[in-house]
Amino acid sequence: MTPKELLYVEDALGHEQFFQTKCRETANQMKDPELRASVEQMAQKHEQIFKNFYGLL
């Protein structure tokens, strides 16, 4: 893997972690249970994407 490709991989993993964190923070601030559950599902999806992508390495 070239250094540039490694940077792309690091960026992608970092973005997934960021999205997961922001979704969880947002869900914790929501009062509507349906909306909160939806955002929590998004956080779980980003966590799964991160794990799958990391697992490929």
N, C-alpha and C. Protein backbone atom coordinates (compact mmCIF):
# COMPACT_ATOMS: atom_id res chain seq x y z
N MET A 1 0.85 -1.17 0.00
CA MET A 1 0.00 0.00 0.00
C MET A 1 0.91 1.24 0.00
N THR A 2 0.59 2.16 -0.87
CA THR A 2 1.39 3.38 -0.95
C THR A 2 1.06 4.30 0.21
N PRO A 3 1.95 5.24 0.52
CA PRO A 3 1.66 6.19 1.60
C PRO A 3 0.38 6.99 1.33
N LYS A 4 0.13 7.34 0.08
CA LYS A 4 -1.08 8.10 -0.24
C LYS A 4 -2.34 7.25 -0.01
N GLU A 5 -2.28 5.98 -0.40
CA GLU A 5 -3.41 5.08 -0.16
C GLU A 5 -3.66 4.90 1.33
N LEU A 6 -2.60 4.81 2.09
CA LEU A 6 -2.74 4.69 3.54
C LEU A 6 -3.42 5.92 4.13
N LEU A 7 -3.09 7.09 3.62
CA LEU A 7 -3.74 8.32 4.08
C LEU A 7 -5.24 8.29 3.77
N TYR A 8 -5.61 7.78 2.60
CA TYR A 8 -7.03 7.67 2.26
C TYR A 8 -7.75 6.73 3.23
N VAL A 9 -7.12 5.63 3.55
CA VAL A 9 -7.71 4.67 4.48
C VAL A 9 -7.87 5.30 5.86
N GLU A 10 -6.84 5.99 6.32
CA GLU A 10 -6.91 6.66 7.61
C GLU A 10 -8.03 7.70 7.63
N ASP A 11 -8.16 8.45 6.56
CA ASP A 11 -9.23 9.44 6.46
C ASP A 11 -10.60 8.78 6.53
N ALA A 12 -10.77 7.70 5.78
CA ALA A 12 -12.06 7.02 5.75
C ALA A 12 -12.43 6.49 7.14
N LEU A 13 -11.47 5.89 7.81
CA LEU A 13 -11.73 5.39 9.17
C LEU A 13 -12.04 6.54 10.12
N GLY A 14 -11.30 7.61 10.00
CA GLY A 14 -11.53 8.78 10.85
C GLY A 14 -12.91 9.38 10.62
N HIS A 15 -13.35 9.41 9.37
CA HIS A 15 -14.68 9.94 9.07
C HIS A 15 -15.77 9.07 9.69
N GLU A 16 -15.61 7.78 9.60
CA GLU A 16 -16.61 6.89 10.19
C GLU A 16 -16.67 7.05 11.71
N GLN A 17 -15.53 7.21 12.34
CA GLN A 17 -15.52 7.44 13.79
C GLN A 17 -16.19 8.77 14.13
N PHE A 18 -15.90 9.79 13.33
CA PHE A 18 -16.50 11.11 13.54
C PHE A 18 -18.02 11.04 13.41
N PHE A 19 -18.51 10.40 12.34
CA PHE A 19 -19.95 10.29 12.13
C PHE A 19 -20.61 9.54 13.27
N GLN A 20 -19.97 8.49 13.72
CA GLN A 20 -20.50 7.70 14.83
C GLN A 20 -20.61 8.56 16.09
N THR A 21 -19.56 9.28 16.40
CA THR A 21 -19.55 10.14 17.59
C THR A 21 -20.62 11.21 17.51
N LYS A 22 -20.72 11.87 16.37
CA LYS A 22 -21.70 12.95 16.21
C LYS A 22 -23.13 12.42 16.29
N CYS A 23 -23.36 11.25 15.73
CA CYS A 23 -24.70 10.66 15.81
C CYS A 23 -25.06 10.35 17.26
N ARG A 24 -24.12 9.78 17.98
CA ARG A 24 -24.40 9.46 19.39
C ARG A 24 -24.63 10.73 20.22
N GLU A 25 -23.83 11.75 19.99
CA GLU A 25 -24.01 13.02 20.71
C GLU A 25 -25.37 13.62 20.40
N THR A 26 -25.74 13.59 19.13
CA THR A 26 -27.03 14.15 18.72
C THR A 26 -28.18 13.35 19.30
N ALA A 27 -28.09 12.04 19.26
CA ALA A 27 -29.15 11.19 19.80
C ALA A 27 -29.37 11.46 21.29
N ASN A 28 -28.29 11.68 22.00
CA ASN A 28 -28.40 11.95 23.44
C ASN A 28 -29.10 13.26 23.74
N GLN A 29 -29.16 14.17 22.79
CA GLN A 29 -29.80 15.46 23.00
C GLN A 29 -31.26 15.48 22.54
N MET A 30 -31.69 14.44 21.86
CA MET A 30 -33.04 14.41 21.30
C MET A 30 -34.07 13.96 22.31
N LYS A 31 -35.25 14.56 22.18
CA LYS A 31 -36.34 14.21 23.08
C LYS A 31 -37.36 13.30 22.41
N ASP A 32 -37.48 13.39 21.10
CA ASP A 32 -38.41 12.54 20.35
C ASP A 32 -37.85 11.12 20.28
N PRO A 33 -38.55 10.15 20.87
CA PRO A 33 -38.02 8.78 20.92
C PRO A 33 -37.80 8.14 19.54
N GLU A 34 -38.70 8.40 18.59
CA GLU A 34 -38.54 7.83 17.25
C GLU A 34 -37.32 8.41 16.54
N LEU A 35 -37.18 9.69 16.62
CA LEU A 35 -36.04 10.35 15.98
C LEU A 35 -34.74 9.93 16.65
N ARG A 36 -34.77 9.84 17.96
CA ARG A 36 -33.59 9.40 18.70
C ARG A 36 -33.16 7.99 18.29
N ALA A 37 -34.14 7.10 18.17
CA ALA A 37 -33.85 5.72 17.77
C ALA A 37 -33.27 5.69 16.36
N SER A 38 -33.78 6.53 15.50
CA SER A 38 -33.28 6.60 14.12
C SER A 38 -31.82 7.04 14.08
N VAL A 39 -31.50 8.05 14.86
CA VAL A 39 -30.12 8.56 14.89
C VAL A 39 -29.20 7.54 15.56
N GLU A 40 -29.68 6.85 16.56
CA GLU A 40 -28.88 5.79 17.19
C GLU A 40 -28.59 4.66 16.20
N GLN A 41 -29.56 4.36 15.33
CA GLN A 41 -29.34 3.35 14.29
C GLN A 41 -28.26 3.80 13.32
N MET A 42 -28.26 5.10 13.01
CA MET A 42 -27.21 5.63 12.13
C MET A 42 -25.84 5.48 12.79
N ALA A 43 -25.76 5.73 14.09
CA ALA A 43 -24.50 5.58 14.80
C ALA A 43 -24.03 4.13 14.75
N GLN A 44 -24.97 3.20 14.94
CA GLN A 44 -24.62 1.78 14.87
C GLN A 44 -24.16 1.39 13.47
N LYS A 45 -24.81 1.97 12.46
CA LYS A 45 -24.43 1.67 11.08
C LYS A 45 -23.00 2.15 10.80
N HIS A 46 -22.67 3.35 11.27
CA HIS A 46 -21.31 3.87 11.07
C HIS A 46 -20.29 3.04 11.85
N GLU A 47 -20.68 2.55 13.02
CA GLU A 47 -19.79 1.68 13.79
C GLU A 47 -19.53 0.38 13.02
N GLN A 48 -20.58 -0.16 12.42
CA GLN A 48 -20.44 -1.41 11.65
C GLN A 48 -19.58 -1.18 10.41
N ILE A 49 -19.78 -0.07 9.73
CA ILE A 49 -18.96 0.26 8.55
C ILE A 49 -17.50 0.35 8.96
N PHE A 50 -17.23 1.03 10.07
CA PHE A 50 -15.86 1.16 10.57
C PHE A 50 -15.25 -0.22 10.82
N LYS A 51 -15.99 -1.07 11.52
CA LYS A 51 -15.48 -2.40 11.85
C LYS A 51 -15.23 -3.23 10.60
N ASN A 52 -16.15 -3.16 9.66
CA ASN A 52 -15.98 -3.92 8.40
C ASN A 52 -14.76 -3.43 7.62
N PHE A 53 -14.65 -2.13 7.52
CA PHE A 53 -13.53 -1.55 6.77
C PHE A 53 -12.20 -1.87 7.46
N TYR A 54 -12.18 -1.71 8.78
CA TYR A 54 -10.97 -2.00 9.54
C TYR A 54 -10.60 -3.48 9.42
N GLY A 55 -11.63 -4.33 9.41
CA GLY A 55 -11.42 -5.76 9.30
C GLY A 55 -10.78 -6.17 7.96
N LEU A 56 -11.02 -5.38 6.93
CA LEU A 56 -10.43 -5.67 5.63
C LEU A 56 -8.92 -5.44 5.61
N LEU A 57 -8.46 -4.63 6.55
CA LEU A 57 -7.04 -4.32 6.60
C LEU A 57 -6.32 -5.44 7.30
